[in-house]
Amino acid sequence: MGGTHSPGERSSSSTGGDAAGAATSIRTAVAAVGEDPLRRAPLCATAVEIALAAGQPDVARSAAAELAETAATYGTSGLAAMAATARGAVLLAEDRAEEALPLLRDTYRRWHELGAEYDAAGTCALLAGAYRSLGDETSAAVEEAHAEAAYLRLGAHRPARPPDGLSRRECEVLALVADGRSNREIGEVLFISDRTVARHLSNIFHKIGVTSRTQAVRYAIDHELTLTR
């Protein structure tokens, strides 16, 4: 997410198979740089991304809040874009796509004006998630195409796209279903209501073509969408 990271650095700290391990590593890295807010800022941006993938929304919110405070203090365009990206990602993870969408659209413009193509591509991927959450598959596909084209031009790591049009939030819900959690337990883990969990499950069942939780668990295992891999 941070504009000071190269594609190689970003991919090495991305949230591949061991999200929990990556979350521990980034917390250690943030602590190691001390209290200098400018040195902490890019690590906080990465921490947001990793914490959300690891199912640690409180950690993500805290890192995004620190980043916003740093951006407000120093007022540079890069920090402002970094903080806005982090905030947009957190809003999206909280199922607040209507709030995330205009923020992310503005953030994309900021990155584009700064010539930060990799970060602009990452914002396109977030925009795709926002559009998909709002039921706009056409716009989501356009944003995904923009992101993939940019990654291809840069020869950079492309974050894995969830299968069958699932959003990243839906993948989180599905992983928790596969872990045997009830709707109430899933809501507690993700800080969403039972009703929102039920809506996600309805969307998931429709997208992956299943009619029961048992079938959904089998799908999650087959596609490696489980909490332990």
Protein backbone atom coordinates (compact mmCIF):
# COMPACT_ATOMS: atom_id res chain seq x y z
CA MET A 1 0.00 0.00 0.00
CA GLY A 2 2.78 2.44 0.81
CA GLY A 3 4.29 4.50 -1.97
CA THR A 4 7.81 3.99 -0.62
CA HIS A 5 7.75 0.24 -1.24
CA SER A 6 9.00 -1.32 -4.45
CA PRO A 7 7.04 -4.19 -6.01
CA GLY A 8 9.62 -6.64 -4.74
CA GLU A 9 9.41 -5.34 -1.20
CA ARG A 10 5.65 -5.37 -1.28
CA SER A 11 5.45 -8.93 -2.54
CA SER A 12 7.88 -10.17 0.08
CA SER A 13 5.64 -8.77 2.82
CA SER A 14 2.35 -9.70 1.17
CA THR A 15 -0.23 -11.92 2.76
CA GLY A 16 0.39 -15.17 1.00
CA GLY A 17 -0.05 -18.48 2.82
CA ASP A 18 0.94 -17.55 6.41
CA ALA A 19 -1.04 -14.43 7.21
CA ALA A 20 -0.68 -14.88 10.97
CA GLY A 21 3.09 -15.23 10.67
CA ALA A 22 3.26 -12.16 8.44
CA ALA A 23 1.19 -10.22 10.99
CA THR A 24 3.66 -11.11 13.73
CA SER A 25 6.59 -10.11 11.54
CA ILE A 26 5.15 -6.72 10.65
CA ARG A 27 4.34 -5.94 14.29
CA THR A 28 7.97 -6.68 15.14
CA ALA A 29 9.16 -4.50 12.26
CA VAL A 30 7.00 -1.57 13.38
CA ALA A 31 8.29 -1.88 16.94
CA ALA A 32 11.89 -2.09 15.74
CA VAL A 33 11.88 1.31 13.98
CA GLY A 34 10.97 3.11 17.20
CA GLU A 35 8.83 6.22 17.50
CA ASP A 36 9.75 8.03 14.29
CA PRO A 37 6.35 8.46 12.56
CA LEU A 38 7.83 8.84 9.08
CA ARG A 39 9.74 5.56 9.39
CA ARG A 40 6.69 3.84 10.85
CA ALA A 41 4.28 5.10 8.17
CA PRO A 42 5.06 2.67 5.32
CA LEU A 43 5.17 -0.22 7.78
CA CYS A 44 1.77 0.82 9.15
CA ALA A 45 0.39 0.78 5.60
CA THR A 46 1.66 -2.75 5.12
CA ALA A 47 0.39 -3.71 8.57
CA VAL A 48 -3.16 -2.74 7.56
CA GLU A 49 -3.05 -5.04 4.54
CA ILE A 50 -1.58 -7.95 6.48
CA ALA A 51 -3.83 -7.56 9.53
CA LEU A 52 -6.97 -7.60 7.39
CA ALA A 53 -5.80 -10.77 5.64
CA ALA A 54 -5.02 -12.33 9.02
CA GLY A 55 -8.47 -11.53 10.40
CA GLN A 56 -7.20 -8.91 12.85
CA PRO A 57 -9.46 -5.89 12.18
CA ASP A 58 -8.56 -4.11 15.42
CA VAL A 59 -4.88 -4.18 14.48
CA ALA A 60 -5.73 -2.86 11.02
CA ARG A 61 -7.83 -0.02 12.43
CA SER A 62 -5.07 0.97 14.83
CA ALA A 63 -2.43 1.02 12.11
CA ALA A 64 -4.72 2.99 9.78
CA ALA A 65 -5.44 5.51 12.55
CA GLU A 66 -1.73 6.03 13.23
CA LEU A 67 -1.11 6.48 9.53
CA ALA A 68 -3.92 9.05 9.28
CA GLU A 69 -2.44 10.99 12.19
CA THR A 70 1.00 11.02 10.57
CA ALA A 71 -0.48 12.17 7.26
CA ALA A 72 -2.35 14.98 9.00
CA THR A 73 0.81 16.08 10.81
CA TYR A 74 3.17 16.14 7.83
CA GLY A 75 0.71 16.86 5.03
CA THR A 76 2.58 15.30 2.11
CA SER A 77 0.70 13.98 -0.90
CA GLY A 78 2.24 10.54 -0.59
CA LEU A 79 1.32 10.15 3.07
CA ALA A 80 -2.20 11.40 2.38
CA ALA A 81 -2.65 8.81 -0.38
CA MET A 82 -1.16 6.09 1.82
CA ALA A 83 -3.50 6.92 4.69
CA ALA A 84 -6.54 7.12 2.43
CA THR A 85 -5.75 3.71 0.92
CA ALA A 86 -5.47 2.19 4.37
CA ARG A 87 -8.75 3.79 5.46
CA GLY A 88 -10.50 2.56 2.33
CA ALA A 89 -9.27 -1.00 2.89
CA VAL A 90 -10.52 -0.96 6.48
CA LEU A 91 -13.92 0.40 5.45
CA LEU A 92 -14.21 -2.29 2.81
CA ALA A 93 -13.35 -5.00 5.33
CA GLU A 94 -16.04 -3.60 7.61
CA ASP A 95 -18.64 -4.01 4.84
CA ARG A 96 -18.91 -0.25 4.43
CA ALA A 97 -18.44 -0.27 0.67
CA GLU A 98 -20.61 2.81 0.12
CA GLU A 99 -18.21 4.84 2.25
CA ALA A 100 -15.11 3.16 0.84
CA LEU A 101 -15.98 3.71 -2.82
CA PRO A 102 -15.68 7.53 -3.10
CA LEU A 103 -12.61 7.51 -0.86
CA LEU A 104 -10.88 4.89 -2.99
CA ARG A 105 -11.80 6.65 -6.22
CA ASP A 106 -10.14 9.81 -4.91
CA THR A 107 -7.17 7.78 -3.68
CA TYR A 108 -6.66 6.26 -7.10
CA ARG A 109 -6.50 9.79 -8.53
CA ARG A 110 -3.90 10.75 -5.92
CA TRP A 111 -1.67 7.79 -6.73
CA HIS A 112 -2.04 8.40 -10.46
CA GLU A 113 -1.01 12.04 -10.08
CA LEU A 114 2.01 10.95 -8.04
CA GLY A 115 3.03 8.48 -10.76
CA ALA A 116 2.82 5.60 -8.26
CA GLU A 117 1.50 2.99 -10.68
CA TYR A 118 1.88 0.00 -8.37
CA ASP A 119 -0.08 1.67 -5.58
CA ALA A 120 -2.68 2.87 -8.09
CA ALA A 121 -3.09 -0.74 -9.24
CA GLY A 122 -3.59 -1.89 -5.65
CA THR A 123 -6.27 0.74 -5.24
CA CYS A 124 -7.98 -0.55 -8.39
CA ALA A 125 -8.10 -3.98 -6.76
CA LEU A 126 -9.75 -2.46 -3.69
CA LEU A 127 -12.17 -0.56 -5.91
CA ALA A 128 -13.12 -3.83 -7.58
CA GLY A 129 -14.01 -5.22 -4.16
CA ALA A 130 -16.09 -2.15 -3.35
CA TYR A 131 -18.01 -2.34 -6.62
CA ARG A 132 -18.57 -6.07 -6.20
CA SER A 133 -19.90 -5.58 -2.67
CA LEU A 134 -22.40 -3.10 -4.11
CA GLY A 135 -23.47 -5.57 -6.80
CA ASP A 136 -21.78 -3.79 -9.72
CA GLU A 137 -19.92 -6.67 -11.37
CA THR A 138 -19.28 -4.70 -14.57
CA SER A 139 -17.35 -1.93 -12.81
CA ALA A 140 -15.57 -4.50 -10.64
CA ALA A 141 -14.34 -6.33 -13.73
CA VAL A 142 -13.10 -3.05 -15.25
CA GLU A 143 -11.10 -2.20 -12.12
CA GLU A 144 -9.65 -5.71 -11.96
CA ALA A 145 -8.57 -5.44 -15.59
CA HIS A 146 -6.87 -2.10 -14.88
CA ALA A 147 -5.03 -3.59 -11.92
CA GLU A 148 -3.89 -6.68 -13.81
CA ALA A 149 -2.69 -4.62 -16.78
CA ALA A 150 -0.63 -2.44 -14.46
CA TYR A 151 0.90 -5.40 -12.65
CA LEU A 152 1.76 -6.95 -16.00
CA ARG A 153 3.48 -3.76 -17.20
CA LEU A 154 5.44 -3.56 -13.98
CA GLY A 155 6.33 -7.23 -13.93
CA ALA A 156 5.11 -7.18 -10.34
CA HIS A 157 3.51 -9.71 -8.07
CA ARG A 158 -0.24 -9.88 -8.57
CA PRO A 159 -2.31 -10.61 -5.46
CA ALA A 160 -4.30 -13.79 -5.92
CA ARG A 161 -7.86 -13.18 -7.07
CA PRO A 162 -10.53 -15.06 -5.11
CA PRO A 163 -12.28 -17.76 -7.19
CA ASP A 164 -15.74 -17.53 -8.74
CA GLY A 165 -16.14 -13.82 -8.12
CA LEU A 166 -16.00 -14.13 -4.33
CA SER A 167 -15.02 -10.98 -2.49
CA ARG A 168 -12.23 -11.16 0.07
CA ARG A 169 -14.79 -10.73 2.85
CA GLU A 170 -16.79 -13.64 1.44
CA CYS A 171 -13.61 -15.74 1.43
CA GLU A 172 -13.13 -14.89 5.12
CA VAL A 173 -16.71 -15.94 5.89
CA LEU A 174 -16.29 -19.16 3.91
CA ALA A 175 -13.06 -20.01 5.73
CA LEU A 176 -14.84 -19.59 9.06
CA VAL A 177 -17.72 -21.80 7.87
CA ALA A 178 -15.13 -24.44 6.99
CA ASP A 179 -13.74 -24.03 10.51
CA GLY A 180 -17.14 -25.05 11.89
CA ARG A 181 -18.19 -21.62 13.15
CA SER A 182 -21.85 -20.68 13.51
CA ASN A 183 -23.24 -17.47 12.03
CA ARG A 184 -23.08 -15.85 15.45
CA GLU A 185 -19.45 -16.91 15.93
CA ILE A 186 -18.52 -15.68 12.45
CA GLY A 187 -20.12 -12.33 13.23
CA GLU A 188 -18.14 -12.04 16.46
CA VAL A 189 -14.85 -12.80 14.72
CA LEU A 190 -15.46 -10.36 11.86
CA PHE A 191 -17.30 -7.71 13.90
CA ILE A 192 -20.43 -7.90 11.73
CA SER A 193 -24.04 -8.74 12.52
CA ASP A 194 -25.66 -12.18 12.19
CA ARG A 195 -27.84 -10.69 9.47
CA THR A 196 -24.78 -9.55 7.51
CA VAL A 197 -23.24 -13.03 7.87
CA ALA A 198 -26.44 -14.58 6.52
CA ARG A 199 -26.38 -12.18 3.56
CA HIS A 200 -22.77 -13.09 2.81
CA LEU A 201 -23.60 -16.79 2.97
CA SER A 202 -26.51 -16.35 0.56
CA ASN A 203 -24.21 -14.58 -1.89
CA ILE A 204 -21.50 -17.22 -1.43
CA PHE A 205 -23.88 -20.13 -2.03
CA HIS A 206 -25.15 -18.46 -5.20
CA LYS A 207 -21.67 -17.71 -6.56
CA ILE A 208 -20.17 -21.14 -5.93
CA GLY A 209 -23.32 -23.10 -6.80
CA VAL A 210 -23.99 -24.91 -3.52
CA THR A 211 -27.07 -25.30 -1.37
CA SER A 212 -25.71 -26.35 2.02
CA ARG A 213 -22.95 -25.54 4.51
CA THR A 214 -21.52 -29.04 4.00
CA GLN A 215 -21.10 -28.39 0.28
CA ALA A 216 -19.62 -24.98 1.05
CA VAL A 217 -17.06 -26.58 3.38
CA ARG A 218 -16.04 -29.02 0.64
CA TYR A 219 -15.65 -26.10 -1.78
CA ALA A 220 -13.51 -24.22 0.75
CA ILE A 221 -11.23 -27.22 1.22
CA ASP A 222 -10.94 -27.88 -2.51
CA HIS A 223 -10.00 -24.24 -3.15
CA GLU A 224 -7.71 -23.94 -0.10
CA LEU A 225 -9.96 -21.28 1.46
CA THR A 226 -9.47 -22.53 5.00
CA LEU A 227 -7.90 -21.10 8.11
CA THR A 228 -5.16 -23.75 8.20
CA ARG A 229 -3.34 -24.67 4.97
